[in-house]
Amino acid sequence: MAVYPNLVGAGTQAITPGTTHLFVDVTLFPAGISTGRGIPTNYFHIGLIRCLFHGAAYPVIPIDAANQLIALPQANDAFGYSLEPTAAITVTEYVF
């Protein structure tokens, strides 16, 4: 289980083979975000994540929670991310 701390901006990150889930923690919220009515609070305009397999991308997943669990597709070997300016996230791999 690897941890990718304080990711900012945009990029890609290879993940450990066999990883089934990513746990995303927002460590720094950007200015100008909006909130929804969800419990716990849902957020808009933090950033986006894409699961990748050999460079091909799955549909985008918005980061919409302070702590978010993402189930990965069976075929995956990396993730891409794009965050709003001043946003930061920490991503932790999990195997369930």
N, C-alpha and C. Protein backbone atom coordinates (compact mmCIF):
# COMPACT_ATOMS: atom_id res chain seq x y z
N MET A 1 0.85 -1.17 0.00
CA MET A 1 0.00 0.00 0.00
C MET A 1 0.90 1.23 0.00
N ALA A 2 0.81 2.02 -1.06
CA ALA A 2 1.61 3.23 -1.17
C ALA A 2 0.76 4.46 -0.86
N VAL A 3 1.44 5.52 -0.45
CA VAL A 3 0.79 6.80 -0.17
C VAL A 3 1.48 7.85 -1.03
N TYR A 4 0.67 8.68 -1.69
CA TYR A 4 1.17 9.77 -2.53
C TYR A 4 0.73 11.08 -1.89
N PRO A 5 1.59 11.69 -1.05
CA PRO A 5 1.18 12.85 -0.27
C PRO A 5 1.27 14.16 -1.05
N ASN A 6 0.37 15.06 -0.70
CA ASN A 6 0.40 16.45 -1.16
C ASN A 6 0.58 16.61 -2.67
N LEU A 7 -0.26 15.92 -3.43
CA LEU A 7 -0.26 16.10 -4.88
C LEU A 7 -0.90 17.45 -5.20
N VAL A 8 -0.30 18.20 -6.11
CA VAL A 8 -0.81 19.50 -6.52
C VAL A 8 -0.72 19.61 -8.04
N GLY A 9 -1.46 20.56 -8.61
CA GLY A 9 -1.39 20.77 -10.05
C GLY A 9 -2.02 19.63 -10.82
N ALA A 10 -1.27 19.06 -11.75
CA ALA A 10 -1.76 17.96 -12.58
C ALA A 10 -0.63 16.98 -12.84
N GLY A 11 -0.98 15.72 -13.07
CA GLY A 11 0.04 14.73 -13.37
C GLY A 11 -0.54 13.34 -13.40
N THR A 12 0.35 12.36 -13.50
CA THR A 12 -0.05 10.96 -13.45
C THR A 12 0.82 10.26 -12.42
N GLN A 13 0.30 9.16 -11.89
CA GLN A 13 1.01 8.39 -10.88
C GLN A 13 0.75 6.91 -11.12
N ALA A 14 1.81 6.12 -11.30
CA ALA A 14 1.67 4.67 -11.39
C ALA A 14 1.26 4.14 -10.02
N ILE A 15 0.49 3.06 -10.02
CA ILE A 15 0.07 2.47 -8.75
C ILE A 15 0.54 1.01 -8.66
N THR A 16 0.54 0.50 -7.45
CA THR A 16 0.98 -0.86 -7.18
C THR A 16 0.02 -1.86 -7.82
N PRO A 17 0.54 -2.87 -8.55
CA PRO A 17 -0.35 -3.88 -9.12
C PRO A 17 -1.22 -4.53 -8.04
N GLY A 18 -2.47 -4.76 -8.37
CA GLY A 18 -3.41 -5.37 -7.44
C GLY A 18 -4.20 -4.39 -6.60
N THR A 19 -3.87 -3.11 -6.68
CA THR A 19 -4.62 -2.10 -5.92
C THR A 19 -6.06 -2.08 -6.42
N THR A 20 -7.01 -2.09 -5.48
CA THR A 20 -8.43 -2.12 -5.86
C THR A 20 -9.17 -0.82 -5.58
N HIS A 21 -8.63 0.00 -4.67
CA HIS A 21 -9.29 1.25 -4.29
C HIS A 21 -8.25 2.35 -4.04
N LEU A 22 -8.67 3.57 -4.26
CA LEU A 22 -7.87 4.74 -3.87
C LEU A 22 -8.66 5.52 -2.83
N PHE A 23 -7.99 5.92 -1.79
CA PHE A 23 -8.59 6.79 -0.77
C PHE A 23 -7.99 8.17 -0.97
N VAL A 24 -8.83 9.16 -1.27
CA VAL A 24 -8.39 10.52 -1.57
C VAL A 24 -8.75 11.42 -0.41
N ASP A 25 -7.74 12.06 0.18
CA ASP A 25 -7.94 13.05 1.24
C ASP A 25 -7.61 14.42 0.68
N VAL A 26 -8.53 15.37 0.79
CA VAL A 26 -8.23 16.75 0.41
C VAL A 26 -7.45 17.36 1.57
N THR A 27 -6.20 17.73 1.32
CA THR A 27 -5.37 18.30 2.37
C THR A 27 -5.36 19.82 2.33
N LEU A 28 -5.76 20.40 1.19
CA LEU A 28 -5.87 21.85 1.08
C LEU A 28 -6.98 22.17 0.10
N PHE A 29 -8.04 22.80 0.59
CA PHE A 29 -9.15 23.19 -0.28
C PHE A 29 -8.80 24.47 -1.03
N PRO A 30 -9.11 24.53 -2.32
CA PRO A 30 -8.83 25.75 -3.07
C PRO A 30 -9.85 26.84 -2.77
N ALA A 31 -9.49 28.08 -3.08
CA ALA A 31 -10.43 29.18 -2.95
C ALA A 31 -11.52 29.03 -4.00
N GLY A 32 -12.72 29.51 -3.69
CA GLY A 32 -13.79 29.56 -4.68
C GLY A 32 -14.56 28.28 -4.90
N ILE A 33 -14.40 27.28 -4.02
CA ILE A 33 -15.18 26.06 -4.20
C ILE A 33 -16.63 26.31 -3.78
N SER A 34 -17.49 25.45 -4.28
CA SER A 34 -18.90 25.49 -3.91
C SER A 34 -19.22 24.22 -3.13
N THR A 35 -20.26 24.29 -2.30
CA THR A 35 -20.68 23.10 -1.56
C THR A 35 -22.11 22.75 -1.92
N GLY A 36 -22.42 21.47 -1.79
CA GLY A 36 -23.77 20.99 -2.04
C GLY A 36 -24.46 20.65 -0.73
N ARG A 37 -25.60 19.96 -0.86
CA ARG A 37 -26.43 19.64 0.31
C ARG A 37 -26.17 18.24 0.85
N GLY A 38 -25.19 17.53 0.30
CA GLY A 38 -24.91 16.17 0.74
C GLY A 38 -24.43 16.12 2.19
N ILE A 39 -24.68 14.99 2.82
CA ILE A 39 -24.18 14.73 4.17
C ILE A 39 -23.33 13.47 4.08
N PRO A 40 -22.03 13.47 4.32
CA PRO A 40 -21.22 14.65 4.57
C PRO A 40 -21.18 15.59 3.35
N THR A 41 -20.72 16.79 3.55
CA THR A 41 -20.74 17.84 2.53
C THR A 41 -20.10 17.38 1.23
N ASN A 42 -20.77 17.70 0.12
CA ASN A 42 -20.15 17.48 -1.18
C ASN A 42 -19.63 18.82 -1.71
N TYR A 43 -18.53 18.73 -2.45
CA TYR A 43 -17.83 19.91 -2.94
C TYR A 43 -17.77 19.90 -4.46
N PHE A 44 -17.64 21.10 -5.03
CA PHE A 44 -17.48 21.27 -6.47
C PHE A 44 -16.21 22.08 -6.72
N HIS A 45 -15.50 21.76 -7.79
CA HIS A 45 -14.35 22.52 -8.27
C HIS A 45 -13.10 22.35 -7.41
N ILE A 46 -12.87 21.12 -6.94
CA ILE A 46 -11.60 20.80 -6.28
C ILE A 46 -10.64 20.23 -7.31
N GLY A 47 -11.12 19.25 -8.06
CA GLY A 47 -10.27 18.63 -9.06
C GLY A 47 -10.89 17.35 -9.60
N LEU A 48 -10.14 16.68 -10.46
CA LEU A 48 -10.61 15.49 -11.15
C LEU A 48 -9.55 14.40 -11.09
N ILE A 49 -10.01 13.15 -11.10
CA ILE A 49 -9.12 11.98 -11.17
C ILE A 49 -9.59 11.09 -12.31
N ARG A 50 -8.64 10.47 -13.00
CA ARG A 50 -8.95 9.47 -14.04
C ARG A 50 -8.14 8.21 -13.76
N CYS A 51 -8.81 7.08 -13.81
CA CYS A 51 -8.11 5.80 -13.75
C CYS A 51 -7.52 5.54 -15.14
N LEU A 52 -6.33 4.95 -15.16
CA LEU A 52 -5.62 4.71 -16.42
C LEU A 52 -5.19 3.25 -16.54
N PHE A 53 -5.13 2.78 -17.77
CA PHE A 53 -4.59 1.46 -18.06
C PHE A 53 -3.79 1.54 -19.34
N HIS A 54 -2.48 1.37 -19.25
CA HIS A 54 -1.56 1.48 -20.38
C HIS A 54 -1.77 2.77 -21.15
N GLY A 55 -2.01 3.87 -20.44
CA GLY A 55 -2.17 5.17 -21.06
C GLY A 55 -3.57 5.51 -21.51
N ALA A 56 -4.47 4.53 -21.54
CA ALA A 56 -5.86 4.78 -21.91
C ALA A 56 -6.62 5.20 -20.65
N ALA A 57 -7.57 6.14 -20.82
CA ALA A 57 -8.26 6.72 -19.67
C ALA A 57 -9.70 6.25 -19.56
N TYR A 58 -10.11 5.98 -18.35
CA TYR A 58 -11.52 5.75 -18.02
C TYR A 58 -12.20 7.11 -17.84
N PRO A 59 -13.53 7.15 -17.73
CA PRO A 59 -14.21 8.43 -17.51
C PRO A 59 -13.71 9.13 -16.24
N VAL A 60 -13.76 10.43 -16.28
CA VAL A 60 -13.27 11.26 -15.19
C VAL A 60 -14.13 11.10 -13.93
N ILE A 61 -13.49 11.21 -12.77
CA ILE A 61 -14.17 11.14 -11.47
C ILE A 61 -13.90 12.46 -10.75
N PRO A 62 -14.95 13.24 -10.46
CA PRO A 62 -14.72 14.48 -9.71
C PRO A 62 -14.35 14.18 -8.26
N ILE A 63 -13.46 14.97 -7.72
CA ILE A 63 -13.16 14.90 -6.29
C ILE A 63 -14.22 15.77 -5.63
N ASP A 64 -15.13 15.12 -4.91
CA ASP A 64 -16.28 15.86 -4.37
C ASP A 64 -16.50 15.64 -2.88
N ALA A 65 -15.48 15.10 -2.19
CA ALA A 65 -15.59 14.88 -0.75
C ALA A 65 -14.24 15.17 -0.10
N ALA A 66 -14.27 15.52 1.15
CA ALA A 66 -13.03 15.76 1.88
C ALA A 66 -12.23 14.47 1.99
N ASN A 67 -12.92 13.34 2.13
CA ASN A 67 -12.32 12.01 2.16
C ASN A 67 -13.14 11.14 1.24
N GLN A 68 -12.56 10.69 0.15
CA GLN A 68 -13.31 10.00 -0.89
C GLN A 68 -12.68 8.65 -1.21
N LEU A 69 -13.51 7.62 -1.30
CA LEU A 69 -13.06 6.29 -1.67
C LEU A 69 -13.44 6.03 -3.12
N ILE A 70 -12.46 5.64 -3.93
CA ILE A 70 -12.70 5.38 -5.35
C ILE A 70 -12.39 3.91 -5.64
N ALA A 71 -13.40 3.18 -6.13
CA ALA A 71 -13.20 1.79 -6.55
C ALA A 71 -12.58 1.81 -7.94
N LEU A 72 -11.49 1.11 -8.09
CA LEU A 72 -10.79 1.09 -9.38
C LEU A 72 -11.35 0.01 -10.29
N PRO A 73 -11.32 0.25 -11.59
CA PRO A 73 -11.71 -0.82 -12.53
C PRO A 73 -10.68 -1.97 -12.44
N GLN A 74 -11.08 -3.12 -12.90
CA GLN A 74 -10.21 -4.30 -12.79
C GLN A 74 -8.88 -4.08 -13.51
N ALA A 75 -8.93 -3.48 -14.68
CA ALA A 75 -7.70 -3.21 -15.44
C ALA A 75 -7.28 -1.77 -15.17
N ASN A 76 -6.24 -1.59 -14.36
CA ASN A 76 -5.72 -0.26 -14.08
C ASN A 76 -4.27 -0.37 -13.66
N ASP A 77 -3.50 0.65 -13.97
CA ASP A 77 -2.11 0.66 -13.55
C ASP A 77 -1.62 2.05 -13.16
N ALA A 78 -2.52 3.04 -13.19
CA ALA A 78 -2.13 4.40 -12.83
C ALA A 78 -3.38 5.25 -12.65
N PHE A 79 -3.18 6.47 -12.19
CA PHE A 79 -4.26 7.44 -12.18
C PHE A 79 -3.69 8.79 -12.59
N GLY A 80 -4.55 9.58 -13.20
CA GLY A 80 -4.20 10.95 -13.55
C GLY A 80 -5.01 11.87 -12.67
N TYR A 81 -4.50 13.07 -12.44
CA TYR A 81 -5.23 14.03 -11.61
C TYR A 81 -5.00 15.44 -12.15
N SER A 82 -6.00 16.27 -11.94
CA SER A 82 -5.92 17.68 -12.29
C SER A 82 -6.66 18.44 -11.21
N LEU A 83 -5.95 19.30 -10.51
CA LEU A 83 -6.51 20.01 -9.36
C LEU A 83 -6.57 21.51 -9.63
N GLU A 84 -7.52 22.15 -8.98
CA GLU A 84 -7.61 23.60 -9.04
C GLU A 84 -6.36 24.20 -8.39
N PRO A 85 -5.99 25.42 -8.80
CA PRO A 85 -4.84 26.06 -8.16
C PRO A 85 -5.04 26.14 -6.64
N THR A 86 -4.02 25.90 -5.93
CA THR A 86 -3.92 25.87 -4.46
C THR A 86 -4.56 24.65 -3.82
N ALA A 87 -5.18 23.76 -4.58
CA ALA A 87 -5.71 22.52 -4.00
C ALA A 87 -4.58 21.52 -3.83
N ALA A 88 -4.69 20.66 -2.81
CA ALA A 88 -3.75 19.58 -2.60
C ALA A 88 -4.50 18.35 -2.09
N ILE A 89 -4.07 17.17 -2.54
CA ILE A 89 -4.68 15.92 -2.11
C ILE A 89 -3.58 14.94 -1.72
N THR A 90 -3.95 13.99 -0.87
CA THR A 90 -3.11 12.84 -0.58
C THR A 90 -3.90 11.61 -1.02
N VAL A 91 -3.26 10.73 -1.77
CA VAL A 91 -3.91 9.52 -2.28
C VAL A 91 -3.23 8.29 -1.67
N THR A 92 -4.04 7.39 -1.13
CA THR A 92 -3.54 6.17 -0.51
C THR A 92 -4.14 4.97 -1.23
N GLU A 93 -3.31 4.00 -1.56
CA GLU A 93 -3.77 2.77 -2.19
C GLU A 93 -4.34 1.81 -1.14
N TYR A 94 -5.38 1.08 -1.52
CA TYR A 94 -5.96 0.05 -0.65
C TYR A 94 -6.28 -1.18 -1.49
N VAL A 95 -6.23 -2.34 -0.84
CA VAL A 95 -6.67 -3.60 -1.45
C VAL A 95 -7.76 -4.15 -0.56
N PHE A 96 -8.97 -4.28 -1.08
CA PHE A 96 -10.10 -4.83 -0.32
C PHE A 96 -10.44 -6.19 -0.89
